[in-house]
């Protein structure tokens, strides 16, 4: 489905559920209340887990009629600043400012703005089925790029090992995964945005003997991905 709600369960961490859900939807709506702008630690971890899906994210600043025009400007700026820090991206997210209920607006002077924002949000949601095919292609391209980066990282780590001291080398590599990523990015001219989380990647690799991974037989096979 192009749009679905992600129900938070106590069985898995919120960040895990967010990552799982983000890869399966066309649009992600982050809801905030204008009169009570607060990003809890749990909500923050869920938003951080959405990294890499910036094109899907839209923000909704709800109950905007419960604050004055001056207060709304401050809240809007604070929201963009907070989200920029959490997501770590220079791109400005689209924020829809309105009051999404059937009651009359408490701040009448901004009624036209609120109505226009509601209309824009509905138009955005209605356009999702038409853009679904494009999203699927973009998702395929994104996963292909990640697979390429993953293969190059593993090959780079594999080449760090010699005949002796394999476990010592593995511990050194896992302890400097961020540095390993920078080496791969510089050597292969890859954007750092395509790389996974270094701490999480290192944690997963602890379960494996890196020196046992097979080497890339032909670098040209990887280069074909970009064709």
N, C-alpha and C. Protein backbone atom coordinates (compact mmCIF):
# COMPACT_ATOMS: atom_id res chain seq x y z
N UNK A 1 0.84 -1.19 0.00
CA UNK A 1 0.00 0.00 0.00
C UNK A 1 0.87 1.24 0.00
N UNK A 2 0.46 2.28 -0.70
CA UNK A 2 1.28 3.49 -0.78
C UNK A 2 1.37 4.23 0.54
N UNK A 3 0.38 4.05 1.41
CA UNK A 3 0.38 4.78 2.68
C UNK A 3 -0.18 3.88 3.75
N UNK A 4 0.52 3.76 4.86
CA UNK A 4 0.00 2.94 5.95
C UNK A 4 0.49 3.50 7.27
N UNK A 5 -0.18 3.16 8.34
CA UNK A 5 0.21 3.61 9.68
C UNK A 5 1.06 2.55 10.32
N UNK A 6 2.10 2.99 10.99
CA UNK A 6 3.00 2.06 11.68
C UNK A 6 2.61 2.02 13.15
N UNK A 7 2.08 0.89 13.58
CA UNK A 7 1.68 0.72 14.97
C UNK A 7 2.89 0.32 15.79
N UNK A 8 3.14 1.06 16.84
CA UNK A 8 4.30 0.78 17.68
C UNK A 8 3.99 -0.38 18.61
N UNK A 9 4.85 -1.37 18.62
CA UNK A 9 4.70 -2.55 19.46
C UNK A 9 5.79 -2.57 20.50
N UNK A 10 5.51 -3.18 21.63
CA UNK A 10 6.50 -3.27 22.70
C UNK A 10 7.48 -4.40 22.46
N UNK A 11 7.23 -5.22 21.46
CA UNK A 11 8.06 -6.39 21.22
C UNK A 11 9.40 -6.04 20.59
N UNK A 12 9.45 -4.97 19.81
CA UNK A 12 10.69 -4.58 19.14
C UNK A 12 10.97 -3.11 19.41
N UNK A 13 12.24 -2.69 19.39
CA UNK A 13 12.57 -1.27 19.59
C UNK A 13 11.88 -0.40 18.54
N UNK A 14 11.51 0.82 18.96
CA UNK A 14 10.83 1.74 18.05
C UNK A 14 11.68 2.02 16.82
N UNK A 15 13.01 2.15 17.01
CA UNK A 15 13.90 2.44 15.88
C UNK A 15 13.86 1.31 14.86
N UNK A 16 13.80 0.06 15.33
CA UNK A 16 13.74 -1.09 14.43
C UNK A 16 12.44 -1.08 13.63
N UNK A 17 11.34 -0.77 14.31
CA UNK A 17 10.05 -0.72 13.64
C UNK A 17 10.01 0.42 12.61
N UNK A 18 10.63 1.54 12.96
CA UNK A 18 10.65 2.69 12.05
C UNK A 18 11.42 2.35 10.77
N UNK A 19 12.57 1.71 10.91
CA UNK A 19 13.37 1.32 9.76
C UNK A 19 12.61 0.35 8.88
N UNK A 20 11.98 -0.62 9.52
CA UNK A 20 11.19 -1.62 8.78
C UNK A 20 10.04 -0.97 8.03
N UNK A 21 9.30 -0.09 8.71
CA UNK A 21 8.15 0.53 8.09
C UNK A 21 8.52 1.52 7.00
N UNK A 22 9.61 2.26 7.20
CA UNK A 22 10.02 3.29 6.24
C UNK A 22 10.32 2.73 4.87
N UNK A 23 10.83 1.50 4.84
CA UNK A 23 11.18 0.89 3.55
C UNK A 23 9.96 0.37 2.80
N UNK A 24 8.80 0.42 3.43
CA UNK A 24 7.60 -0.18 2.83
C UNK A 24 6.48 0.81 2.54
N UNK A 25 6.71 2.08 2.79
CA UNK A 25 5.67 3.08 2.55
C UNK A 25 6.15 4.14 1.56
N UNK A 26 5.20 4.88 1.01
CA UNK A 26 5.52 5.95 0.07
C UNK A 26 5.62 7.31 0.75
N UNK A 27 4.98 7.44 1.89
CA UNK A 27 5.01 8.73 2.59
C UNK A 27 5.09 8.50 4.09
N UNK A 28 5.91 9.30 4.76
CA UNK A 28 6.06 9.24 6.21
C UNK A 28 5.65 10.59 6.78
N UNK A 29 4.67 10.58 7.67
CA UNK A 29 4.19 11.81 8.28
C UNK A 29 4.64 11.86 9.73
N UNK A 30 5.34 12.93 10.09
CA UNK A 30 5.75 13.16 11.47
C UNK A 30 4.85 14.25 12.05
N UNK A 31 4.10 13.91 13.07
CA UNK A 31 3.12 14.84 13.65
C UNK A 31 3.66 15.52 14.89
N UNK A 32 3.47 16.84 14.94
CA UNK A 32 3.87 17.64 16.10
C UNK A 32 2.74 18.58 16.47
N UNK A 33 2.62 18.90 17.74
CA UNK A 33 1.65 19.88 18.22
C UNK A 33 2.34 21.22 18.39
N UNK A 34 1.75 22.26 17.81
CA UNK A 34 2.37 23.58 17.85
C UNK A 34 2.44 24.13 19.27
N UNK A 35 1.47 23.79 20.11
CA UNK A 35 1.44 24.34 21.46
C UNK A 35 2.27 23.51 22.45
N UNK A 36 2.78 22.37 21.97
CA UNK A 36 3.58 21.51 22.85
C UNK A 36 4.65 20.82 22.01
N UNK A 37 5.61 21.60 21.55
CA UNK A 37 6.66 21.08 20.67
C UNK A 37 7.73 20.42 21.52
N UNK A 38 7.72 19.10 21.50
CA UNK A 38 8.69 18.35 22.29
C UNK A 38 9.01 17.05 21.58
N UNK A 39 10.29 16.80 21.37
CA UNK A 39 10.72 15.55 20.74
C UNK A 39 11.32 14.66 21.83
N UNK A 40 10.57 13.65 22.24
CA UNK A 40 11.03 12.75 23.28
C UNK A 40 12.19 11.90 22.77
N UNK A 41 12.89 11.25 23.69
CA UNK A 41 14.01 10.40 23.31
C UNK A 41 13.55 9.25 22.42
N UNK A 42 12.37 8.70 22.73
CA UNK A 42 11.84 7.59 21.94
C UNK A 42 11.49 8.05 20.53
N UNK A 43 10.85 9.23 20.45
CA UNK A 43 10.49 9.77 19.14
C UNK A 43 11.74 10.13 18.36
N UNK A 44 12.75 10.65 19.05
CA UNK A 44 14.01 11.01 18.41
C UNK A 44 14.68 9.78 17.80
N UNK A 45 14.71 8.67 18.55
CA UNK A 45 15.32 7.44 18.03
C UNK A 45 14.56 6.92 16.82
N UNK A 46 13.24 7.10 16.83
CA UNK A 46 12.43 6.67 15.68
C UNK A 46 12.74 7.53 14.45
N UNK A 47 12.93 8.85 14.66
CA UNK A 47 13.23 9.74 13.55
C UNK A 47 14.62 9.47 12.99
N UNK A 48 15.59 9.24 13.89
CA UNK A 48 16.95 8.93 13.45
C UNK A 48 16.96 7.69 12.57
N UNK A 49 16.11 6.72 12.92
CA UNK A 49 16.04 5.47 12.15
C UNK A 49 15.49 5.69 10.75
N UNK A 50 14.93 6.88 10.49
CA UNK A 50 14.35 7.17 9.17
C UNK A 50 15.38 7.76 8.21
N UNK A 51 16.64 7.90 8.66
CA UNK A 51 17.67 8.46 7.79
C UNK A 51 17.76 7.66 6.49
N UNK A 52 17.93 8.39 5.40
CA UNK A 52 17.96 7.74 4.09
C UNK A 52 16.61 7.72 3.41
N UNK A 53 15.59 8.23 4.11
CA UNK A 53 14.24 8.28 3.55
C UNK A 53 13.70 9.71 3.54
N UNK A 54 14.62 10.67 3.43
CA UNK A 54 14.23 12.07 3.48
C UNK A 54 13.21 12.47 2.44
N UNK A 55 13.25 11.82 1.26
CA UNK A 55 12.30 12.16 0.20
C UNK A 55 10.87 11.73 0.54
N UNK A 56 10.73 10.85 1.52
CA UNK A 56 9.39 10.37 1.90
C UNK A 56 8.79 11.16 3.06
N UNK A 57 9.65 11.86 3.80
CA UNK A 57 9.21 12.47 5.06
C UNK A 57 8.51 13.81 4.83
N UNK A 58 7.36 13.96 5.49
CA UNK A 58 6.64 15.22 5.56
C UNK A 58 6.29 15.46 7.02
N UNK A 59 6.33 16.70 7.44
CA UNK A 59 5.99 17.04 8.82
C UNK A 59 4.64 17.75 8.87
N UNK A 60 3.92 17.47 9.92
CA UNK A 60 2.62 18.11 10.13
C UNK A 60 2.67 18.84 11.48
N UNK A 61 2.57 20.14 11.43
CA UNK A 61 2.52 20.95 12.65
C UNK A 61 1.06 21.21 12.96
N UNK A 62 0.50 20.37 13.82
CA UNK A 62 -0.93 20.38 14.12
C UNK A 62 -1.26 21.37 15.25
N UNK A 63 -2.55 21.69 15.37
CA UNK A 63 -3.06 22.59 16.41
C UNK A 63 -2.38 23.96 16.36
N UNK A 64 -2.07 24.39 15.13
CA UNK A 64 -1.37 25.66 14.95
C UNK A 64 -2.25 26.85 15.29
N UNK A 65 -3.56 26.63 15.38
CA UNK A 65 -4.46 27.74 15.70
C UNK A 65 -4.49 28.04 17.20
N UNK A 66 -3.80 27.25 18.00
CA UNK A 66 -3.82 27.44 19.45
C UNK A 66 -2.68 28.36 19.92
N UNK A 67 -1.89 28.86 18.98
CA UNK A 67 -0.82 29.81 19.32
C UNK A 67 -0.98 31.05 18.45
N UNK A 68 -0.35 32.15 18.87
CA UNK A 68 -0.43 33.38 18.09
C UNK A 68 0.47 33.28 16.87
N UNK A 69 0.32 34.21 15.95
CA UNK A 69 1.12 34.21 14.72
C UNK A 69 2.61 34.31 15.03
N UNK A 70 2.96 35.16 16.00
CA UNK A 70 4.36 35.32 16.38
C UNK A 70 4.90 34.04 17.00
N UNK A 71 4.11 33.42 17.88
CA UNK A 71 4.53 32.16 18.50
C UNK A 71 4.68 31.05 17.46
N UNK A 72 3.80 31.05 16.47
CA UNK A 72 3.84 30.03 15.42
C UNK A 72 5.13 30.14 14.62
N UNK A 73 5.56 31.36 14.32
CA UNK A 73 6.81 31.55 13.59
C UNK A 73 7.99 30.98 14.39
N UNK A 74 7.98 31.22 15.69
CA UNK A 74 9.06 30.70 16.53
C UNK A 74 9.04 29.18 16.60
N UNK A 75 7.84 28.61 16.73
CA UNK A 75 7.69 27.15 16.81
C UNK A 75 8.12 26.52 15.50
N UNK A 76 7.74 27.12 14.39
CA UNK A 76 8.11 26.59 13.06
C UNK A 76 9.63 26.56 12.89
N UNK A 77 10.28 27.66 13.27
CA UNK A 77 11.74 27.71 13.17
C UNK A 77 12.41 26.72 14.09
N UNK A 78 11.89 26.59 15.31
CA UNK A 78 12.47 25.65 16.28
C UNK A 78 12.32 24.21 15.80
N UNK A 79 11.18 23.92 15.15
CA UNK A 79 10.95 22.57 14.64
C UNK A 79 11.94 22.21 13.54
N UNK A 80 12.13 23.13 12.60
CA UNK A 80 13.09 22.87 11.51
C UNK A 80 14.50 22.71 12.06
N UNK A 81 14.87 23.51 13.03
CA UNK A 81 16.20 23.42 13.63
C UNK A 81 16.39 22.08 14.33
N UNK A 82 15.39 21.67 15.10
CA UNK A 82 15.47 20.41 15.84
C UNK A 82 15.56 19.21 14.91
N UNK A 83 14.73 19.21 13.86
CA UNK A 83 14.73 18.10 12.92
C UNK A 83 16.04 18.05 12.13
N UNK A 84 16.59 19.23 11.83
CA UNK A 84 17.87 19.27 11.12
C UNK A 84 18.96 18.63 11.94
N UNK A 85 18.94 18.84 13.26
CA UNK A 85 19.93 18.24 14.13
C UNK A 85 19.74 16.73 14.26
N UNK A 86 18.48 16.31 14.38
CA UNK A 86 18.19 14.89 14.57
C UNK A 86 18.51 14.09 13.31
N UNK A 87 18.08 14.61 12.16
CA UNK A 87 18.30 13.89 10.91
C UNK A 87 19.68 14.12 10.33
N UNK A 88 20.34 15.19 10.78
CA UNK A 88 21.69 15.46 10.29
C UNK A 88 21.74 15.73 8.80
N UNK A 89 20.75 16.45 8.29
CA UNK A 89 20.70 16.72 6.86
C UNK A 89 20.47 18.21 6.63
N UNK A 90 21.12 18.79 5.60
CA UNK A 90 20.93 20.22 5.32
C UNK A 90 19.62 20.51 4.60
N UNK A 91 18.97 19.47 4.05
CA UNK A 91 17.73 19.69 3.33
C UNK A 91 16.62 20.11 4.28
N UNK A 92 15.78 21.05 3.83
CA UNK A 92 14.66 21.52 4.64
C UNK A 92 13.45 20.65 4.34
N UNK A 93 12.87 20.06 5.38
CA UNK A 93 11.70 19.21 5.22
C UNK A 93 10.45 20.05 4.99
N UNK A 94 9.51 19.49 4.26
CA UNK A 94 8.23 20.18 4.05
C UNK A 94 7.38 20.04 5.29
N UNK A 95 6.93 21.17 5.82
CA UNK A 95 6.11 21.18 7.02
C UNK A 95 4.75 21.78 6.68
N UNK A 96 3.69 21.02 6.95
CA UNK A 96 2.32 21.49 6.74
C UNK A 96 1.80 22.05 8.06
N UNK A 97 1.42 23.33 8.03
CA UNK A 97 1.00 24.02 9.24
C UNK A 97 -0.51 24.27 9.20
N UNK A 98 -1.23 23.65 10.13
CA UNK A 98 -2.67 23.84 10.18
C UNK A 98 -3.22 23.26 11.47
N UNK A 99 -4.54 23.16 11.53
CA UNK A 99 -5.21 22.53 12.66
C UNK A 99 -6.16 21.49 12.08
N UNK A 100 -5.82 20.23 12.28
CA UNK A 100 -6.51 19.16 11.57
C UNK A 100 -7.63 18.56 12.42
N UNK A 101 -8.67 19.37 12.61
CA UNK A 101 -9.90 18.87 13.23
C UNK A 101 -11.06 19.68 12.68
N UNK A 102 -12.27 19.33 13.06
CA UNK A 102 -13.47 19.93 12.47
C UNK A 102 -13.92 21.20 13.18
N UNK A 103 -13.29 21.53 14.30
CA UNK A 103 -13.71 22.72 15.04
C UNK A 103 -13.19 23.99 14.38
N UNK A 104 -13.87 25.12 14.60
CA UNK A 104 -13.41 26.40 14.03
C UNK A 104 -12.03 26.77 14.56
N UNK A 105 -11.27 27.49 13.72
CA UNK A 105 -9.94 27.93 14.13
C UNK A 105 -10.03 28.94 15.26
N UNK A 106 -9.13 28.81 16.22
CA UNK A 106 -9.11 29.79 17.31
C UNK A 106 -8.44 31.09 16.88
N UNK A 107 -7.49 31.00 15.92
CA UNK A 107 -6.83 32.18 15.37
C UNK A 107 -7.38 32.43 13.97
N UNK A 108 -8.36 33.33 13.87
CA UNK A 108 -9.08 33.53 12.61
C UNK A 108 -8.20 34.18 11.54
N UNK A 109 -7.21 35.00 11.94
CA UNK A 109 -6.43 35.75 10.96
C UNK A 109 -5.57 34.84 10.09
N UNK A 110 -5.36 33.58 10.51
CA UNK A 110 -4.54 32.66 9.71
C UNK A 110 -5.37 31.56 9.06
N UNK A 111 -6.66 31.77 8.93
CA UNK A 111 -7.56 30.75 8.37
C UNK A 111 -7.18 30.38 6.94
N UNK A 112 -6.86 31.38 6.12
CA UNK A 112 -6.50 31.09 4.72
C UNK A 112 -5.24 30.25 4.64
N UNK A 113 -4.27 30.56 5.47
CA UNK A 113 -3.03 29.79 5.49
C UNK A 113 -3.31 28.34 5.90
N UNK A 114 -4.11 28.16 6.95
CA UNK A 114 -4.40 26.81 7.43
C UNK A 114 -5.15 26.00 6.38
N UNK A 115 -6.10 26.62 5.71
CA UNK A 115 -6.88 25.92 4.67
C UNK A 115 -5.98 25.53 3.50
N UNK A 116 -5.09 26.45 3.12
CA UNK A 116 -4.19 26.18 2.00
C UNK A 116 -3.24 25.03 2.34
N UNK A 117 -2.75 24.99 3.58
CA UNK A 117 -1.85 23.93 4.01
C UNK A 117 -2.56 22.58 4.03
N UNK A 118 -3.80 22.56 4.48
CA UNK A 118 -4.59 21.33 4.46
C UNK A 118 -4.75 20.82 3.03
N UNK A 119 -5.06 21.74 2.13
CA UNK A 119 -5.25 21.37 0.73
C UNK A 119 -3.97 20.82 0.12
N UNK A 120 -2.84 21.44 0.45
CA UNK A 120 -1.55 20.98 -0.08
C UNK A 120 -1.23 19.57 0.42
N UNK A 121 -1.52 19.31 1.70
CA UNK A 121 -1.24 17.99 2.26
C UNK A 121 -2.11 16.92 1.59
N UNK A 122 -3.38 17.23 1.41
CA UNK A 122 -4.28 16.26 0.76
C UNK A 122 -3.85 16.01 -0.68
N UNK A 123 -3.42 17.06 -1.37
CA UNK A 123 -2.95 16.90 -2.75
C UNK A 123 -1.71 16.02 -2.80
N UNK A 124 -0.84 16.20 -1.83
CA UNK A 124 0.38 15.39 -1.76
C UNK A 124 0.03 13.91 -1.56
N UNK A 125 -0.92 13.64 -0.69
CA UNK A 125 -1.32 12.26 -0.42
C UNK A 125 -2.05 11.64 -1.61
N UNK A 126 -2.87 12.43 -2.27
CA UNK A 126 -3.61 11.92 -3.43
C UNK A 126 -2.69 11.60 -4.60
N UNK A 127 -1.55 12.27 -4.66
CA UNK A 127 -0.61 12.05 -5.77
C UNK A 127 0.26 10.82 -5.56
N UNK A 128 0.21 10.20 -4.38
CA UNK A 128 1.08 9.06 -4.08
C UNK A 128 0.91 7.88 -5.03
N UNK A 129 -0.32 7.47 -5.34
CA UNK A 129 -0.45 6.32 -6.26
C UNK A 129 0.23 6.55 -7.61
N UNK A 130 0.19 7.79 -8.11
CA UNK A 130 0.81 8.08 -9.40
C UNK A 130 2.33 8.03 -9.32
N UNK A 131 2.87 8.38 -8.15
CA UNK A 131 4.33 8.41 -7.99
C UNK A 131 4.88 7.11 -7.42
N UNK A 132 4.00 6.13 -7.20
CA UNK A 132 4.43 4.87 -6.59
C UNK A 132 5.46 4.14 -7.45
N UNK A 133 5.25 4.13 -8.77
CA UNK A 133 6.18 3.42 -9.66
C UNK A 133 7.56 4.07 -9.63
N UNK A 134 7.57 5.40 -9.61
CA UNK A 134 8.85 6.12 -9.55
C UNK A 134 9.56 5.80 -8.24
N UNK A 135 8.80 5.74 -7.14
CA UNK A 135 9.39 5.43 -5.84
C UNK A 135 10.02 4.04 -5.84
N UNK A 136 9.32 3.08 -6.46
CA UNK A 136 9.84 1.71 -6.49
C UNK A 136 11.16 1.64 -7.26
N UNK A 137 11.23 2.40 -8.34
CA UNK A 137 12.49 2.44 -9.11
C UNK A 137 13.59 3.07 -8.28
N UNK A 138 13.26 4.17 -7.59
CA UNK A 138 14.25 4.84 -6.75
C UNK A 138 14.71 3.93 -5.61
N UNK A 139 13.79 3.16 -5.05
CA UNK A 139 14.14 2.23 -3.98
C UNK A 139 15.09 1.15 -4.50
N UNK A 140 14.81 0.67 -5.71
CA UNK A 140 15.66 -0.35 -6.30
C UNK A 140 17.07 0.19 -6.52
N UNK A 141 17.15 1.41 -7.03
CA UNK A 141 18.46 2.05 -7.26
C UNK A 141 19.20 2.24 -5.94
N UNK A 142 18.46 2.67 -4.91
CA UNK A 142 19.05 2.90 -3.60
C UNK A 142 19.61 1.60 -3.02
N UNK A 143 18.86 0.52 -3.14
CA UNK A 143 19.31 -0.77 -2.60
C UNK A 143 20.51 -1.30 -3.40
N UNK A 144 20.50 -1.04 -4.69
CA UNK A 144 21.62 -1.47 -5.52
C UNK A 144 22.90 -0.75 -5.12
N UNK A 145 22.79 0.55 -4.86
CA UNK A 145 23.95 1.32 -4.43
C UNK A 145 24.45 0.85 -3.08
N UNK A 146 23.54 0.51 -2.19
CA UNK A 146 23.94 0.02 -0.87
C UNK A 146 24.63 -1.34 -0.98
N UNK A 147 24.12 -2.18 -1.88
CA UNK A 147 24.75 -3.50 -2.08
C UNK A 147 26.17 -3.33 -2.61
N UNK A 148 26.35 -2.37 -3.51
CA UNK A 148 27.68 -2.09 -4.06
C UNK A 148 28.63 -1.63 -2.95
N UNK A 149 28.17 -0.69 -2.14
CA UNK A 149 28.99 -0.18 -1.05
C UNK A 149 29.33 -1.29 -0.07
N UNK A 150 28.33 -2.12 0.23
CA UNK A 150 28.54 -3.22 1.17
C UNK A 150 29.64 -4.16 0.65
N UNK A 151 29.58 -4.50 -0.63
CA UNK A 151 30.58 -5.40 -1.23
C UNK A 151 31.97 -4.78 -1.19
N UNK A 152 32.06 -3.49 -1.47
CA UNK A 152 33.36 -2.81 -1.47
C UNK A 152 33.93 -2.70 -0.05
N UNK A 153 33.06 -2.50 0.93
CA UNK A 153 33.52 -2.42 2.32
C UNK A 153 34.11 -3.76 2.75
N UNK A 154 33.36 -4.83 2.49
CA UNK A 154 33.81 -6.16 2.89
C UNK A 154 35.13 -6.52 2.20
N UNK A 155 35.24 -6.18 0.94
CA UNK A 155 36.47 -6.48 0.20
C UNK A 155 37.64 -5.68 0.78
N UNK A 156 37.38 -4.43 1.13
CA UNK A 156 38.43 -3.58 1.70
C UNK A 156 38.89 -4.13 3.05
N UNK A 157 37.94 -4.55 3.88
CA UNK A 157 38.29 -5.12 5.18
C UNK A 157 39.03 -6.44 5.02
N UNK A 158 38.58 -7.23 4.06
CA UNK A 158 39.21 -8.53 3.81
C UNK A 158 40.68 -8.37 3.44
N UNK A 159 41.00 -7.32 2.70
CA UNK A 159 42.37 -7.10 2.26
C UNK A 159 43.30 -6.61 3.37
N UNK A 160 42.74 -6.32 4.53
CA UNK A 160 43.56 -5.88 5.66
C UNK A 160 44.27 -7.05 6.35
N UNK A 161 43.86 -8.27 6.03
CA UNK A 161 44.38 -9.44 6.74
C UNK A 161 45.58 -10.05 6.02
N UNK A 162 46.55 -10.47 6.82
CA UNK A 162 47.71 -11.20 6.29
C UNK A 162 47.64 -12.65 6.72
N UNK A 163 48.78 -13.28 6.77
CA UNK A 163 48.82 -14.69 7.15
C UNK A 163 48.67 -14.89 8.65
N UNK A 164 49.16 -13.93 9.43
CA UNK A 164 49.20 -14.11 10.88
C UNK A 164 48.43 -12.97 11.58
N UNK A 165 48.09 -13.23 12.84
CA UNK A 165 47.44 -12.20 13.67
C UNK A 165 46.07 -11.80 13.18
N UNK A 166 45.31 -12.77 12.69
CA UNK A 166 44.00 -12.46 12.12
C UNK A 166 43.02 -11.88 13.14
N UNK A 167 42.96 -12.49 14.32
CA UNK A 167 42.03 -12.00 15.33
C UNK A 167 42.40 -10.59 15.80
N UNK A 168 43.68 -10.33 15.93
CA UNK A 168 44.15 -9.01 16.33
C UNK A 168 43.79 -7.97 15.27
N UNK A 169 43.94 -8.36 14.00
CA UNK A 169 43.58 -7.45 12.90
C UNK A 169 42.08 -7.19 12.89
N UNK A 170 41.30 -8.23 13.14
CA UNK A 170 39.85 -8.06 13.16
C UNK A 170 39.43 -7.09 14.26
N UNK A 171 39.99 -7.25 15.44
CA UNK A 171 39.67 -6.34 16.55
C UNK A 171 40.03 -4.90 16.20
N UNK A 172 41.15 -4.72 15.53
CA UNK A 172 41.59 -3.38 15.13
C UNK A 172 40.66 -2.78 14.09
N UNK A 173 40.25 -3.60 13.14
CA UNK A 173 39.35 -3.13 12.08
C UNK A 173 37.98 -2.77 12.65
N UNK A 174 37.44 -3.63 13.50
CA UNK A 174 36.12 -3.39 14.08
C UNK A 174 36.12 -2.16 14.99
N UNK A 175 37.25 -1.88 15.59
CA UNK A 175 37.35 -0.72 16.46
C UNK A 175 37.53 0.60 15.73
N UNK A 176 37.78 0.52 14.43
CA UNK A 176 37.98 1.73 13.63
C UNK A 176 37.14 1.67 12.35
N UNK A 177 35.88 1.27 12.51
CA UNK A 177 35.03 1.10 11.33
C UNK A 177 34.76 2.42 10.61
N UNK A 178 34.64 3.49 11.36
CA UNK A 178 34.42 4.80 10.73
C UNK A 178 35.62 5.17 9.85
N UNK A 179 36.82 4.88 10.33
CA UNK A 179 38.01 5.13 9.54
C UNK A 179 38.06 4.25 8.30
N UNK A 180 37.61 3.00 8.44
CA UNK A 180 37.55 2.09 7.30
C UNK A 180 36.60 2.63 6.23
N UNK A 181 35.47 3.14 6.68
CA UNK A 181 34.49 3.70 5.75
C UNK A 181 35.08 4.88 4.98
N UNK A 182 35.82 5.73 5.70
CA UNK A 182 36.42 6.90 5.06
C UNK A 182 37.45 6.47 4.01
N UNK A 183 38.18 5.41 4.30
CA UNK A 183 39.16 4.91 3.33
C UNK A 183 38.47 4.41 2.07
N UNK A 184 37.39 3.65 2.25
CA UNK A 184 36.65 3.12 1.10
C UNK A 184 36.03 4.25 0.29
N UNK A 185 35.44 5.22 0.98
CA UNK A 185 34.80 6.35 0.30
C UNK A 185 35.82 7.14 -0.53
N UNK A 186 37.00 7.34 0.05
CA UNK A 186 38.05 8.10 -0.65
C UNK A 186 38.62 7.29 -1.81
N UNK A 187 38.84 6.02 -1.60
CA UNK A 187 39.46 5.17 -2.62
C UNK A 187 38.51 4.93 -3.80
N UNK A 188 37.23 4.71 -3.49
CA UNK A 188 36.26 4.38 -4.54
C UNK A 188 35.43 5.57 -5.00
N UNK A 189 35.69 6.75 -4.40
CA UNK A 189 34.95 7.97 -4.75
C UNK A 189 33.45 7.76 -4.56
N UNK A 190 33.08 7.33 -3.36
CA UNK A 190 31.68 7.04 -3.04
C UNK A 190 31.13 8.09 -2.07
N UNK A 191 29.86 8.46 -2.23
CA UNK A 191 29.26 9.41 -1.28
C UNK A 191 29.06 8.75 0.08
N UNK A 192 29.37 9.48 1.15
CA UNK A 192 29.27 8.90 2.49
C UNK A 192 27.83 8.62 2.89
N UNK A 193 26.88 9.26 2.20
CA UNK A 193 25.48 9.02 2.49
C UNK A 193 25.02 7.61 2.14
N UNK A 194 25.80 6.91 1.30
CA UNK A 194 25.45 5.54 0.91
C UNK A 194 25.96 4.50 1.90
N UNK A 195 26.73 4.94 2.89
CA UNK A 195 27.33 4.00 3.83
C UNK A 195 26.38 3.74 5.01
N UNK A 196 26.44 2.53 5.57
CA UNK A 196 25.61 2.21 6.73
C UNK A 196 26.16 2.84 8.00
N UNK A 197 25.45 2.66 9.09
CA UNK A 197 25.91 3.15 10.39
C UNK A 197 27.15 2.36 10.79
N UNK A 198 28.30 3.01 11.01
CA UNK A 198 29.54 2.27 11.29
C UNK A 198 29.49 1.45 12.57
N UNK A 199 28.86 1.98 13.62
CA UNK A 199 28.78 1.25 14.89
C UNK A 199 27.93 -0.01 14.74
N UNK A 200 26.80 0.13 14.06
CA UNK A 200 25.92 -1.03 13.86
C UNK A 200 26.57 -2.06 12.94
N UNK A 201 27.25 -1.58 11.91
CA UNK A 201 27.93 -2.46 10.96
C UNK A 201 29.02 -3.25 11.68
N UNK A 202 29.77 -2.57 12.53
CA UNK A 202 30.84 -3.22 13.29
C UNK A 202 30.28 -4.26 14.24
N UNK A 203 29.14 -3.93 14.86
CA UNK A 203 28.51 -4.86 15.80
C UNK A 203 28.08 -6.15 15.10
N UNK A 204 27.53 -6.02 13.91
CA UNK A 204 27.08 -7.19 13.15
C UNK A 204 28.27 -8.05 12.74
N UNK A 205 29.36 -7.40 12.32
CA UNK A 205 30.53 -8.14 11.85
C UNK A 205 31.25 -8.90 12.96
N UNK A 206 30.96 -8.55 14.21
CA UNK A 206 31.59 -9.26 15.31
C UNK A 206 31.21 -10.74 15.34
N UNK A 207 30.11 -11.07 14.68
CA UNK A 207 29.64 -12.46 14.65
C UNK A 207 30.34 -13.28 13.56
N UNK A 208 31.20 -12.63 12.77
CA UNK A 208 31.82 -13.32 11.64
C UNK A 208 33.34 -13.20 11.69
N UNK A 209 33.99 -14.13 11.02
CA UNK A 209 35.44 -14.04 10.80
C UNK A 209 35.65 -13.36 9.44
N UNK A 210 36.03 -12.10 9.47
CA UNK A 210 36.11 -11.31 8.24
C UNK A 210 37.08 -11.93 7.23
N UNK A 211 38.18 -12.51 7.72
CA UNK A 211 39.17 -13.07 6.80
C UNK A 211 38.67 -14.28 6.01
N UNK A 212 37.52 -14.82 6.43
CA UNK A 212 36.96 -15.97 5.72
C UNK A 212 36.02 -15.56 4.58
N UNK A 213 35.69 -14.27 4.52
CA UNK A 213 34.86 -13.80 3.42
C UNK A 213 35.63 -13.93 2.10
N UNK A 214 34.97 -14.32 1.02
CA UNK A 214 35.68 -14.42 -0.27
C UNK A 214 36.03 -13.03 -0.81
N UNK A 215 37.15 -12.95 -1.52
CA UNK A 215 37.55 -11.70 -2.14
C UNK A 215 36.76 -11.47 -3.42
N UNK A 216 36.65 -10.20 -3.81
CA UNK A 216 36.01 -9.89 -5.09
C UNK A 216 36.89 -10.43 -6.22
N UNK A 217 36.28 -11.19 -7.09
CA UNK A 217 37.06 -11.79 -8.18
C UNK A 217 37.43 -10.76 -9.24
N UNK A 218 36.49 -9.87 -9.51
CA UNK A 218 36.73 -8.89 -10.58
C UNK A 218 36.07 -7.58 -10.21
N UNK A 219 36.85 -6.52 -10.07
CA UNK A 219 36.32 -5.20 -9.74
C UNK A 219 35.36 -4.69 -10.80
N UNK A 220 35.51 -5.17 -12.02
CA UNK A 220 34.65 -4.72 -13.12
C UNK A 220 33.20 -5.14 -12.90
N UNK A 221 32.99 -6.25 -12.17
CA UNK A 221 31.62 -6.69 -11.88
C UNK A 221 30.89 -5.65 -11.04
N UNK A 222 31.61 -5.01 -10.12
CA UNK A 222 31.03 -3.97 -9.30
C UNK A 222 30.77 -2.71 -10.12
N UNK A 223 31.71 -2.40 -11.01
CA UNK A 223 31.57 -1.20 -11.83
C UNK A 223 30.38 -1.28 -12.77
N UNK A 224 29.97 -2.49 -13.10
CA UNK A 224 28.82 -2.66 -14.01
C UNK A 224 27.52 -2.17 -13.38
N UNK A 225 27.50 -2.11 -12.06
CA UNK A 225 26.28 -1.65 -11.36
C UNK A 225 25.94 -0.22 -11.73
N UNK A 226 26.97 0.58 -11.99
CA UNK A 226 26.75 2.00 -12.31
C UNK A 226 26.35 2.22 -13.76
N UNK A 227 26.42 1.19 -14.56
CA UNK A 227 26.11 1.35 -15.98
C UNK A 227 24.60 1.44 -16.18
